[in-house]
Amino acid sequence: MTSEEVMELIKGDTPMATELYEELTREEVETLLVLHNCLDDMLEEIGGCFDITLSTMRILQNSMWKLRDTLKFRPQADDEGNRPAHWKPYVLKDDPRAWYYEEVNA
């Protein structure tokens, strides 16, 4: 796959196959989680110094969101455990620190 094809996939102009291509080990998913958190950190830094074009930042942000959604990374719970702590690095969905919304019936 060429770099142009990769950029088209990132931009969302080319539909991705829905068939399972390859199963990932937990170690591979943890590696992807590190990548996700690096992208998140880069977006924070770029946003702080505004030294990037907005379209490039949008591509980075969309890439991070696709990675997060595809692999179901979760925000950590805050110190009280009842809200997401979006400023903390995301974790795997089965991590005990992972935050999930719980509907409370009043």
N, C-alpha and C. Protein backbone atom coordinates (compact mmCIF):
# COMPACT_ATOMS: atom_id res chain seq x y z
N MET A 1 0.85 -1.17 0.00
CA MET A 1 0.00 0.00 0.00
C MET A 1 0.89 1.24 0.00
N THR A 2 0.62 2.16 -0.87
CA THR A 2 1.43 3.37 -0.97
C THR A 2 1.01 4.37 0.10
N SER A 3 1.83 5.38 0.33
CA SER A 3 1.50 6.40 1.33
C SER A 3 0.25 7.18 0.91
N GLU A 4 0.05 7.33 -0.41
CA GLU A 4 -1.15 8.03 -0.89
C GLU A 4 -2.41 7.22 -0.56
N GLU A 5 -2.33 5.91 -0.72
CA GLU A 5 -3.47 5.05 -0.40
C GLU A 5 -3.77 5.07 1.10
N VAL A 6 -2.71 5.10 1.90
CA VAL A 6 -2.90 5.18 3.35
C VAL A 6 -3.59 6.48 3.72
N MET A 7 -3.15 7.59 3.13
CA MET A 7 -3.78 8.88 3.42
C MET A 7 -5.24 8.90 2.99
N GLU A 8 -5.57 8.26 1.88
CA GLU A 8 -6.97 8.19 1.45
C GLU A 8 -7.81 7.42 2.46
N LEU A 9 -7.25 6.33 3.01
CA LEU A 9 -7.96 5.58 4.04
C LEU A 9 -8.16 6.42 5.29
N ILE A 10 -7.13 7.15 5.68
CA ILE A 10 -7.22 7.99 6.87
C ILE A 10 -8.27 9.08 6.68
N LYS A 11 -8.30 9.66 5.49
CA LYS A 11 -9.28 10.71 5.22
C LYS A 11 -10.70 10.16 5.12
N GLY A 12 -10.84 8.87 4.93
CA GLY A 12 -12.16 8.27 4.87
C GLY A 12 -12.75 8.25 3.48
N ASP A 13 -11.96 8.53 2.44
CA ASP A 13 -12.48 8.56 1.08
C ASP A 13 -12.59 7.17 0.48
N THR A 14 -11.92 6.19 1.05
CA THR A 14 -11.93 4.83 0.52
C THR A 14 -12.53 3.91 1.58
N PRO A 15 -13.61 3.18 1.24
CA PRO A 15 -14.19 2.28 2.25
C PRO A 15 -13.23 1.14 2.58
N MET A 16 -13.15 0.82 3.85
CA MET A 16 -12.30 -0.28 4.28
C MET A 16 -13.10 -1.58 4.24
N ALA A 17 -12.44 -2.69 4.04
CA ALA A 17 -13.10 -3.98 4.04
C ALA A 17 -13.64 -4.28 5.44
N THR A 18 -14.77 -4.93 5.50
CA THR A 18 -15.35 -5.26 6.80
C THR A 18 -15.01 -6.67 7.23
N GLU A 19 -14.32 -7.42 6.38
CA GLU A 19 -13.92 -8.78 6.73
C GLU A 19 -12.72 -8.73 7.67
N LEU A 20 -12.68 -9.70 8.56
CA LEU A 20 -11.55 -9.80 9.48
C LEU A 20 -10.30 -10.13 8.69
N TYR A 21 -9.32 -9.27 8.80
CA TYR A 21 -8.07 -9.47 8.06
C TYR A 21 -7.10 -10.31 8.87
N GLU A 22 -7.00 -9.97 10.14
CA GLU A 22 -6.03 -10.65 10.99
C GLU A 22 -6.44 -10.46 12.43
N GLU A 23 -6.26 -11.49 13.23
CA GLU A 23 -6.53 -11.36 14.65
C GLU A 23 -5.30 -10.77 15.33
N LEU A 24 -5.55 -9.93 16.30
CA LEU A 24 -4.45 -9.29 17.01
C LEU A 24 -4.29 -9.92 18.39
N THR A 25 -3.06 -10.05 18.82
CA THR A 25 -2.80 -10.50 20.18
C THR A 25 -2.98 -9.32 21.12
N ARG A 26 -3.10 -9.60 22.40
CA ARG A 26 -3.22 -8.53 23.38
C ARG A 26 -1.99 -7.61 23.31
N GLU A 27 -0.81 -8.19 23.13
CA GLU A 27 0.41 -7.40 23.03
C GLU A 27 0.35 -6.43 21.85
N GLU A 28 -0.18 -6.89 20.71
CA GLU A 28 -0.31 -6.01 19.54
C GLU A 28 -1.30 -4.89 19.80
N VAL A 29 -2.40 -5.19 20.48
CA VAL A 29 -3.39 -4.16 20.80
C VAL A 29 -2.80 -3.16 21.79
N GLU A 30 -2.00 -3.63 22.73
CA GLU A 30 -1.34 -2.71 23.67
C GLU A 30 -0.39 -1.79 22.92
N THR A 31 0.29 -2.31 21.90
CA THR A 31 1.16 -1.48 21.06
C THR A 31 0.34 -0.40 20.36
N LEU A 32 -0.81 -0.79 19.83
CA LEU A 32 -1.69 0.18 19.17
C LEU A 32 -2.22 1.21 20.17
N LEU A 33 -2.45 0.79 21.40
CA LEU A 33 -2.87 1.72 22.44
C LEU A 33 -1.79 2.77 22.69
N VAL A 34 -0.54 2.37 22.71
CA VAL A 34 0.57 3.31 22.86
C VAL A 34 0.55 4.31 21.70
N LEU A 35 0.34 3.80 20.49
CA LEU A 35 0.23 4.67 19.31
C LEU A 35 -0.91 5.66 19.47
N HIS A 36 -2.05 5.18 19.90
CA HIS A 36 -3.21 6.06 20.14
C HIS A 36 -2.86 7.17 21.12
N ASN A 37 -2.23 6.81 22.22
CA ASN A 37 -1.90 7.81 23.24
C ASN A 37 -0.84 8.79 22.73
N CYS A 38 0.07 8.33 21.87
CA CYS A 38 1.04 9.25 21.25
C CYS A 38 0.32 10.24 20.34
N LEU A 39 -0.62 9.76 19.53
CA LEU A 39 -1.40 10.66 18.68
C LEU A 39 -2.15 11.68 19.53
N ASP A 40 -2.74 11.22 20.62
CA ASP A 40 -3.47 12.11 21.52
C ASP A 40 -2.56 13.20 22.08
N ASP A 41 -1.36 12.80 22.51
CA ASP A 41 -0.39 13.76 23.03
C ASP A 41 0.04 14.76 21.96
N MET A 42 0.25 14.27 20.72
CA MET A 42 0.65 15.16 19.62
C MET A 42 -0.43 16.19 19.35
N LEU A 43 -1.68 15.77 19.36
CA LEU A 43 -2.79 16.70 19.13
C LEU A 43 -2.84 17.78 20.21
N GLU A 44 -2.60 17.38 21.45
CA GLU A 44 -2.58 18.35 22.55
C GLU A 44 -1.46 19.38 22.35
N GLU A 45 -0.28 18.90 21.98
CA GLU A 45 0.86 19.80 21.77
C GLU A 45 0.62 20.73 20.58
N ILE A 46 0.14 20.16 19.49
CA ILE A 46 -0.13 20.96 18.29
C ILE A 46 -1.16 22.03 18.60
N GLY A 47 -2.21 21.65 19.32
CA GLY A 47 -3.24 22.60 19.68
C GLY A 47 -2.71 23.72 20.57
N GLY A 48 -1.71 23.41 21.37
CA GLY A 48 -1.15 24.42 22.27
C GLY A 48 -0.29 25.46 21.56
N CYS A 49 0.41 25.05 20.51
CA CYS A 49 1.31 26.00 19.83
C CYS A 49 0.77 26.45 18.48
N PHE A 50 -0.29 25.81 17.99
CA PHE A 50 -0.94 26.17 16.73
C PHE A 50 0.05 26.27 15.57
N ASP A 51 0.98 25.33 15.51
CA ASP A 51 1.96 25.32 14.44
C ASP A 51 1.70 24.18 13.48
N ILE A 52 0.48 24.16 12.91
CA ILE A 52 0.09 23.12 11.97
C ILE A 52 -1.15 23.62 11.24
N THR A 53 -1.38 23.13 10.03
CA THR A 53 -2.59 23.52 9.33
C THR A 53 -3.78 22.81 9.96
N LEU A 54 -4.92 23.42 9.90
CA LEU A 54 -6.11 22.83 10.50
C LEU A 54 -6.51 21.53 9.80
N SER A 55 -6.31 21.46 8.50
CA SER A 55 -6.67 20.22 7.80
C SER A 55 -5.78 19.06 8.24
N THR A 56 -4.50 19.32 8.49
CA THR A 56 -3.61 18.27 8.97
C THR A 56 -4.00 17.84 10.37
N MET A 57 -4.36 18.79 11.20
CA MET A 57 -4.79 18.47 12.54
C MET A 57 -6.09 17.65 12.51
N ARG A 58 -7.00 17.98 11.58
CA ARG A 58 -8.24 17.23 11.45
C ARG A 58 -7.94 15.78 11.07
N ILE A 59 -7.00 15.58 10.16
CA ILE A 59 -6.63 14.22 9.75
C ILE A 59 -6.05 13.45 10.93
N LEU A 60 -5.17 14.09 11.69
CA LEU A 60 -4.60 13.44 12.87
C LEU A 60 -5.70 13.08 13.87
N GLN A 61 -6.60 14.01 14.10
CA GLN A 61 -7.67 13.78 15.07
C GLN A 61 -8.60 12.66 14.59
N ASN A 62 -8.98 12.68 13.33
CA ASN A 62 -9.84 11.63 12.81
C ASN A 62 -9.16 10.27 12.87
N SER A 63 -7.85 10.25 12.64
CA SER A 63 -7.09 8.99 12.73
C SER A 63 -7.12 8.45 14.15
N MET A 64 -6.93 9.33 15.10
CA MET A 64 -6.95 8.92 16.50
C MET A 64 -8.33 8.39 16.88
N TRP A 65 -9.38 9.09 16.46
CA TRP A 65 -10.74 8.64 16.77
C TRP A 65 -11.05 7.29 16.14
N LYS A 66 -10.61 7.09 14.88
CA LYS A 66 -10.84 5.80 14.22
C LYS A 66 -10.13 4.67 14.97
N LEU A 67 -8.89 4.93 15.37
CA LEU A 67 -8.13 3.94 16.12
C LEU A 67 -8.82 3.65 17.45
N ARG A 68 -9.23 4.69 18.15
CA ARG A 68 -9.90 4.55 19.44
C ARG A 68 -11.20 3.77 19.31
N ASP A 69 -12.01 4.12 18.32
CA ASP A 69 -13.30 3.46 18.14
C ASP A 69 -13.17 2.03 17.66
N THR A 70 -12.26 1.80 16.72
CA THR A 70 -12.08 0.47 16.17
C THR A 70 -11.64 -0.52 17.24
N LEU A 71 -10.71 -0.10 18.08
CA LEU A 71 -10.16 -1.01 19.09
C LEU A 71 -10.83 -0.85 20.45
N LYS A 72 -11.85 0.01 20.51
CA LYS A 72 -12.68 0.18 21.72
C LYS A 72 -11.85 0.57 22.95
N PHE A 73 -10.90 1.49 22.74
CA PHE A 73 -10.15 2.02 23.87
C PHE A 73 -11.11 2.84 24.73
N ARG A 74 -10.88 2.84 26.02
CA ARG A 74 -11.78 3.51 26.96
C ARG A 74 -11.02 4.59 27.74
N PRO A 75 -11.72 5.68 28.10
CA PRO A 75 -11.09 6.63 29.01
C PRO A 75 -11.01 6.00 30.40
N GLN A 76 -10.05 6.48 31.17
CA GLN A 76 -9.97 6.02 32.55
C GLN A 76 -11.05 6.72 33.37
N ALA A 77 -11.47 6.07 34.44
CA ALA A 77 -12.41 6.70 35.36
C ALA A 77 -11.66 7.75 36.17
N ASP A 78 -12.38 8.80 36.60
CA ASP A 78 -11.76 9.80 37.47
C ASP A 78 -11.52 9.19 38.85
N ASP A 79 -10.97 9.98 39.76
CA ASP A 79 -10.59 9.44 41.07
C ASP A 79 -11.78 8.91 41.85
N GLU A 80 -12.97 9.47 41.61
CA GLU A 80 -14.18 8.98 42.29
C GLU A 80 -14.79 7.78 41.56
N GLY A 81 -14.37 7.56 40.31
CA GLY A 81 -14.84 6.42 39.55
C GLY A 81 -16.18 6.61 38.86
N ASN A 82 -16.71 7.84 38.86
CA ASN A 82 -18.04 8.03 38.28
C ASN A 82 -18.08 8.89 37.02
N ARG A 83 -16.93 9.35 36.56
CA ARG A 83 -16.86 10.16 35.34
C ARG A 83 -15.60 9.79 34.56
N PRO A 84 -15.64 10.02 33.24
CA PRO A 84 -14.43 9.75 32.47
C PRO A 84 -13.38 10.83 32.72
N ALA A 85 -12.13 10.42 32.78
CA ALA A 85 -11.01 11.35 32.94
C ALA A 85 -10.30 11.43 31.59
N HIS A 86 -10.83 12.26 30.69
CA HIS A 86 -10.32 12.32 29.32
C HIS A 86 -8.89 12.87 29.23
N TRP A 87 -8.39 13.48 30.28
CA TRP A 87 -7.02 14.01 30.28
C TRP A 87 -6.00 12.91 30.57
N LYS A 88 -6.46 11.77 31.03
CA LYS A 88 -5.56 10.64 31.31
C LYS A 88 -5.45 9.78 30.04
N PRO A 89 -4.35 9.03 29.90
CA PRO A 89 -4.24 8.13 28.75
C PRO A 89 -5.37 7.11 28.74
N TYR A 90 -5.85 6.79 27.54
CA TYR A 90 -6.89 5.78 27.41
C TYR A 90 -6.33 4.41 27.73
N VAL A 91 -7.22 3.47 28.04
CA VAL A 91 -6.82 2.11 28.42
C VAL A 91 -7.63 1.10 27.61
N LEU A 92 -7.23 -0.16 27.67
CA LEU A 92 -7.99 -1.22 27.00
C LEU A 92 -9.35 -1.40 27.67
N LYS A 93 -10.32 -1.91 26.92
CA LYS A 93 -11.69 -1.99 27.42
C LYS A 93 -11.84 -2.89 28.65
N ASP A 94 -10.94 -3.85 28.86
CA ASP A 94 -11.05 -4.73 30.02
C ASP A 94 -10.15 -4.31 31.18
N ASP A 95 -9.52 -3.15 31.05
CA ASP A 95 -8.67 -2.62 32.12
C ASP A 95 -9.57 -2.20 33.29
N PRO A 96 -9.20 -2.53 34.52
CA PRO A 96 -10.03 -2.14 35.67
C PRO A 96 -10.17 -0.62 35.83
N ARG A 97 -9.28 0.16 35.21
CA ARG A 97 -9.40 1.62 35.29
C ARG A 97 -10.34 2.19 34.24
N ALA A 98 -10.83 1.35 33.32
CA ALA A 98 -11.68 1.81 32.22
C ALA A 98 -13.01 2.32 32.76
N TRP A 99 -13.45 3.45 32.20
CA TRP A 99 -14.73 4.05 32.59
C TRP A 99 -15.82 3.62 31.63
N TYR A 100 -16.99 3.25 32.19
CA TYR A 100 -18.18 2.95 31.41
C TYR A 100 -19.35 3.69 32.01
N TYR A 101 -20.22 4.20 31.16
CA TYR A 101 -21.41 4.88 31.61
C TYR A 101 -22.36 3.86 32.21
N GLU A 102 -22.85 4.18 33.39
CA GLU A 102 -23.84 3.32 34.03
C GLU A 102 -25.11 4.14 34.22
N GLU A 103 -26.19 3.65 33.62
CA GLU A 103 -27.46 4.36 33.75
C GLU A 103 -28.02 4.10 35.14
N VAL A 104 -28.40 5.17 35.82
CA VAL A 104 -28.96 5.08 37.16
C VAL A 104 -30.46 5.31 37.05
N ASN A 105 -31.23 4.34 37.47
CA ASN A 105 -32.70 4.48 37.45
C ASN A 105 -33.14 5.20 38.70
N ALA A 106 -33.79 6.35 38.50
CA ALA A 106 -34.22 7.15 39.66
C ALA A 106 -35.62 6.80 40.07
